[in-house]
Amino acid sequence: MQIIPTIFKKMDAPFVDDEEQRLAFAFYQGVKTDKIALSSFIELINQSDVARYQELQKDDLLSWRKLSTWLRLLQNWYFFFDATKDLQVILKEKITKYYTEMGY
C-alpha cells in the first residue's frame, strides 16, 4: 500500500502515456481479487488526499502536477469501481473537493 505515497514522494515530472490509468487499474484489480482490503484502500485514498493538499504550494509547479495526477487517479477509480457504490461516494467527494478548491 505504500506505493502511492512513494510514487508521489519520488515524482519529479508529470505522468505521461496514461500512467494514471494503469496505476489505478492495478489497485482496482487488487481490491477486486481481495488482495487489497477495501477498508485499506479507502484509508489510502483518505490519507493520500490529505497529503496532496498539505503539500500543495502556490509557487511550486510540481505540487500542482501531483494534485492533477491525484485527480486523474480518483477519476479512474470512480469509473473502475462503478459497482462499489459506497466507494464511489467517497471518490466523488474527493473529486468534487478538487473542483471546489480550484474555484470551479
C-alpha atoms as a PDB file:
ATOM      1  CA  MET A   1       0.000   0.000   0.000  1.00  0.00           C
ATOM      2  CA  GLN A   2       2.995   2.278   0.286  1.00  0.00           C
ATOM      3  CA  ILE A   3       3.393   2.520  -3.479  1.00  0.00           C
ATOM      4  CA  ILE A   4       1.095   5.555  -3.821  1.00  0.00           C
ATOM      5  CA  PRO A   5       2.895   7.676  -1.188  1.00  0.00           C
ATOM      6  CA  THR A   6       6.242   6.540  -2.615  1.00  0.00           C
ATOM      7  CA  ILE A   7       5.260   7.451  -6.164  1.00  0.00           C
ATOM      8  CA  PHE A   8       4.207  10.938  -5.130  1.00  0.00           C
ATOM      9  CA  LYS A   9       7.294  11.415  -2.967  1.00  0.00           C
ATOM     10  CA  LYS A  10       9.617  10.491  -5.847  1.00  0.00           C
ATOM     11  CA  MET A  11       7.593  12.153  -8.614  1.00  0.00           C
ATOM     12  CA  ASP A  12       9.675  14.767 -10.394  1.00  0.00           C
ATOM     13  CA  ALA A  13       7.708  15.149 -13.639  1.00  0.00           C
ATOM     14  CA  PRO A  14       4.117  14.738 -14.798  1.00  0.00           C
ATOM     15  CA  PHE A  15       2.893  11.296 -15.739  1.00  0.00           C
ATOM     16  CA  VAL A  16       2.630  10.556 -19.462  1.00  0.00           C
ATOM     17  CA  ASP A  17       1.029   7.902 -21.659  1.00  0.00           C
ATOM     18  CA  ASP A  18      -1.910   7.148 -19.342  1.00  0.00           C
ATOM     19  CA  GLU A  19       0.230   6.047 -16.409  1.00  0.00           C
ATOM     20  CA  GLU A  20      -2.550   7.098 -14.033  1.00  0.00           C
ATOM     21  CA  GLN A  21      -4.952   4.661 -15.696  1.00  0.00           C
ATOM     22  CA  ARG A  22      -2.547   1.760 -15.391  1.00  0.00           C
ATOM     23  CA  LEU A  23      -1.771   2.524 -11.757  1.00  0.00           C
ATOM     24  CA  ALA A  24      -5.458   2.936 -10.941  1.00  0.00           C
ATOM     25  CA  PHE A  25      -6.286  -0.329 -12.702  1.00  0.00           C
ATOM     26  CA  ALA A  26      -3.628  -2.215 -10.735  1.00  0.00           C
ATOM     27  CA  PHE A  27      -5.230  -1.100  -7.478  1.00  0.00           C
ATOM     28  CA  TYR A  28      -8.689  -1.877  -8.843  1.00  0.00           C
ATOM     29  CA  GLN A  29      -7.579  -5.427  -9.638  1.00  0.00           C
ATOM     30  CA  GLY A  30      -6.016  -5.745  -6.191  1.00  0.00           C
ATOM     31  CA  VAL A  31      -9.289  -4.813  -4.494  1.00  0.00           C
ATOM     32  CA  LYS A  32     -11.423  -6.834  -6.923  1.00  0.00           C
ATOM     33  CA  THR A  33      -9.397 -10.007  -6.268  1.00  0.00           C
ATOM     34  CA  ASP A  34      -9.272  -9.387  -2.486  1.00  0.00           C
ATOM     35  CA  LYS A  35      -5.508  -8.902  -2.489  1.00  0.00           C
ATOM     36  CA  ILE A  36      -6.154  -5.410  -1.102  1.00  0.00           C
ATOM     37  CA  ALA A  37      -8.808  -4.965   1.567  1.00  0.00           C
ATOM     38  CA  LEU A  38     -11.408  -2.376   0.617  1.00  0.00           C
ATOM     39  CA  SER A  39     -11.034  -0.726   4.027  1.00  0.00           C
ATOM     40  CA  SER A  40      -7.255  -0.380   3.499  1.00  0.00           C
ATOM     41  CA  PHE A  41      -7.831   1.068   0.045  1.00  0.00           C
ATOM     42  CA  ILE A  42     -10.279   3.638   1.418  1.00  0.00           C
ATOM     43  CA  GLU A  43      -7.792   4.561   4.133  1.00  0.00           C
ATOM     44  CA  LEU A  44      -5.102   5.015   1.471  1.00  0.00           C
ATOM     45  CA  ILE A  45      -7.409   7.291  -0.533  1.00  0.00           C
ATOM     46  CA  ASN A  46      -8.218   9.424   2.500  1.00  0.00           C
ATOM     47  CA  GLN A  47      -4.603   9.734   3.623  1.00  0.00           C
ATOM     48  CA  SER A  48      -3.306  10.454   0.127  1.00  0.00           C
ATOM     49  CA  ASP A  49      -5.963  13.085  -0.455  1.00  0.00           C
ATOM     50  CA  VAL A  50      -4.962  14.932   2.724  1.00  0.00           C
ATOM     51  CA  ALA A  51      -1.286  14.689   1.758  1.00  0.00           C
ATOM     52  CA  ARG A  52      -1.845  16.141  -1.714  1.00  0.00           C
ATOM     53  CA  TYR A  53      -3.473  19.281  -0.298  1.00  0.00           C
ATOM     54  CA  GLN A  54      -0.983  19.634   2.575  1.00  0.00           C
ATOM     55  CA  GLU A  55       1.915  19.557   0.117  1.00  0.00           C
ATOM     56  CA  LEU A  56       0.326  21.997  -2.330  1.00  0.00           C
ATOM     57  CA  GLN A  57       2.362  25.192  -2.668  1.00  0.00           C
ATOM     58  CA  LYS A  58       1.319  28.187  -4.762  1.00  0.00           C
ATOM     59  CA  ASP A  59       4.714  28.678  -6.387  1.00  0.00           C
ATOM     60  CA  ASP A  60       5.618  25.012  -6.838  1.00  0.00           C
ATOM     61  CA  LEU A  61       4.535  23.682 -10.228  1.00  0.00           C
ATOM     62  CA  LEU A  62       5.385  20.095  -9.279  1.00  0.00           C
ATOM     63  CA  SER A  63       2.994  20.156  -6.314  1.00  0.00           C
ATOM     64  CA  TRP A  64       0.217  21.260  -8.690  1.00  0.00           C
ATOM     65  CA  ARG A  65       1.116  18.473 -11.109  1.00  0.00           C
ATOM     66  CA  LYS A  66       0.948  15.969  -8.260  1.00  0.00           C
ATOM     67  CA  LEU A  67      -2.518  17.218  -7.369  1.00  0.00           C
ATOM     68  CA  SER A  68      -3.583  16.931 -11.014  1.00  0.00           C
ATOM     69  CA  THR A  69      -2.218  13.387 -11.153  1.00  0.00           C
ATOM     70  CA  TRP A  70      -4.126  12.588  -7.971  1.00  0.00           C
ATOM     71  CA  LEU A  71      -7.342  13.873  -9.554  1.00  0.00           C
ATOM     72  CA  ARG A  72      -6.864  11.588 -12.561  1.00  0.00           C
ATOM     73  CA  LEU A  73      -6.311   8.596 -10.271  1.00  0.00           C
ATOM     74  CA  LEU A  74      -9.523   9.411  -8.404  1.00  0.00           C
ATOM     75  CA  GLN A  75     -11.446   9.793 -11.656  1.00  0.00           C
ATOM     76  CA  ASN A  76     -10.208   6.460 -12.970  1.00  0.00           C
ATOM     77  CA  TRP A  77     -11.085   4.713  -9.721  1.00  0.00           C
ATOM     78  CA  TYR A  78     -14.533   6.288  -9.787  1.00  0.00           C
ATOM     79  CA  PHE A  79     -15.286   4.571 -13.094  1.00  0.00           C
ATOM     80  CA  PHE A  80     -13.452   1.315 -12.351  1.00  0.00           C
ATOM     81  CA  PHE A  81     -15.405   0.880  -9.107  1.00  0.00           C
ATOM     82  CA  ASP A  82     -18.803   1.591 -10.647  1.00  0.00           C
ATOM     83  CA  ALA A  83     -20.328  -1.422  -8.845  1.00  0.00           C
ATOM     84  CA  THR A  84     -18.999  -0.354  -5.442  1.00  0.00           C
ATOM     85  CA  LYS A  85     -21.389   2.458  -4.612  1.00  0.00           C
ATOM     86  CA  ASP A  86     -20.031   3.201  -1.110  1.00  0.00           C
ATOM     87  CA  LEU A  87     -16.552   3.708  -2.544  1.00  0.00           C
ATOM     88  CA  GLN A  88     -17.929   5.785  -5.408  1.00  0.00           C
ATOM     89  CA  VAL A  89     -19.469   8.167  -2.865  1.00  0.00           C
ATOM     90  CA  ILE A  90     -16.039   8.687  -1.267  1.00  0.00           C
ATOM     91  CA  LEU A  91     -14.331   9.127  -4.627  1.00  0.00           C
ATOM     92  CA  LYS A  92     -16.949  11.584  -5.849  1.00  0.00           C
ATOM     93  CA  GLU A  93     -16.487  13.573  -2.634  1.00  0.00           C
ATOM     94  CA  LYS A  94     -12.719  13.814  -3.286  1.00  0.00           C
ATOM     95  CA  ILE A  95     -13.216  14.743  -6.949  1.00  0.00           C
ATOM     96  CA  THR A  96     -15.792  17.389  -6.049  1.00  0.00           C
ATOM     97  CA  LYS A  97     -13.420  18.739  -3.391  1.00  0.00           C
ATOM     98  CA  TYR A  98     -10.776  19.243  -6.068  1.00  0.00           C
ATOM     99  CA  TYR A  99     -13.096  21.254  -8.283  1.00  0.00           C
ATOM    100  CA  THR A 100     -14.350  23.285  -5.326  1.00  0.00           C
ATOM    101  CA  GLU A 101     -10.807  24.043  -4.147  1.00  0.00           C
ATOM    102  CA  MET A 102      -9.837  25.084  -7.674  1.00  0.00           C
ATOM    103  CA  GLY A 103     -12.768  27.510  -7.861  1.00  0.00           C
ATOM    104  CA  TYR A 104     -14.990  25.685 -10.328  1.00  0.00           C
END
